[in-house]
Amino acid sequence: MKTLIVLMLCGCLCAAAATAQVDPNSNGVGIYSDLGGLVNQVELEVGVPLEVYLLLTRANGTGGLVGWELDIVVPENVTIWGWNVPTPDAFVYSSPPSFAVVFPIAYPYQTAHHLMTFILIPLDSDPAQFFITGSSSSDDGDAPRYLDKMENRPGGDDMLFIEMIPYPEGMGVASFTVNPDVTPVVSASWGGVKALYR
């Protein structure tokens, strides 16, 4: 009986570890094909739409999320069907793929906070990499940021911008990739085609 309990406990712990978010760092931001922050690379056929999510993971703000700003660098071989900020009454100050979003109230932080949804469609089978950068509409640096409503400070409520770290490994590394392991197709030469019929 004790052995069975130990095995069941080990199984539960392994299952919990297997569902952990990809990004282990605080204040992470990434693009994922799931709301849990588990998948940031997908294989996808040409012309097939895929809904993806921009997530703030493991935020260490204290008062609640009241806004965010960043740019998404979209590859040329992908088209986007709509951008949707799922927060009610959010005000978007800039136009996609540059975003500056403010909320009317502070939202409690979650392990993976859903910032935005968009649908991508690959135009070819080549790898397509998305990058996250600081907002081009901001004068305050190159890093993406979120706005935290700090409470219980002397003099009342205050706001604080906190830098987000794009996953994986920060700036300059693709945050989401479509068809990362595509094998190049070798084009046939005319001589090779003629050889088939000899």
Foldseek 3Di string as FASTA:
>chain_A
DVVVVVVVVVVVVVVVVLLAAPDPDEQAKFKALDQSNHHQEEEDAAFDKGKIFIKGARYPFDAAFFWWWKAKDWFPQKDKDDKAFPDPPWDWDDDPRTTTIGHPDGHDDDRIHTGMMIMMGGNHRDKIFMFIWGGPVDPPDIFIWTKHWDADDPPGIDIDIDGHAYPDPRGPDGRHMYNPPDDDDDDDDPVNVVVVVD
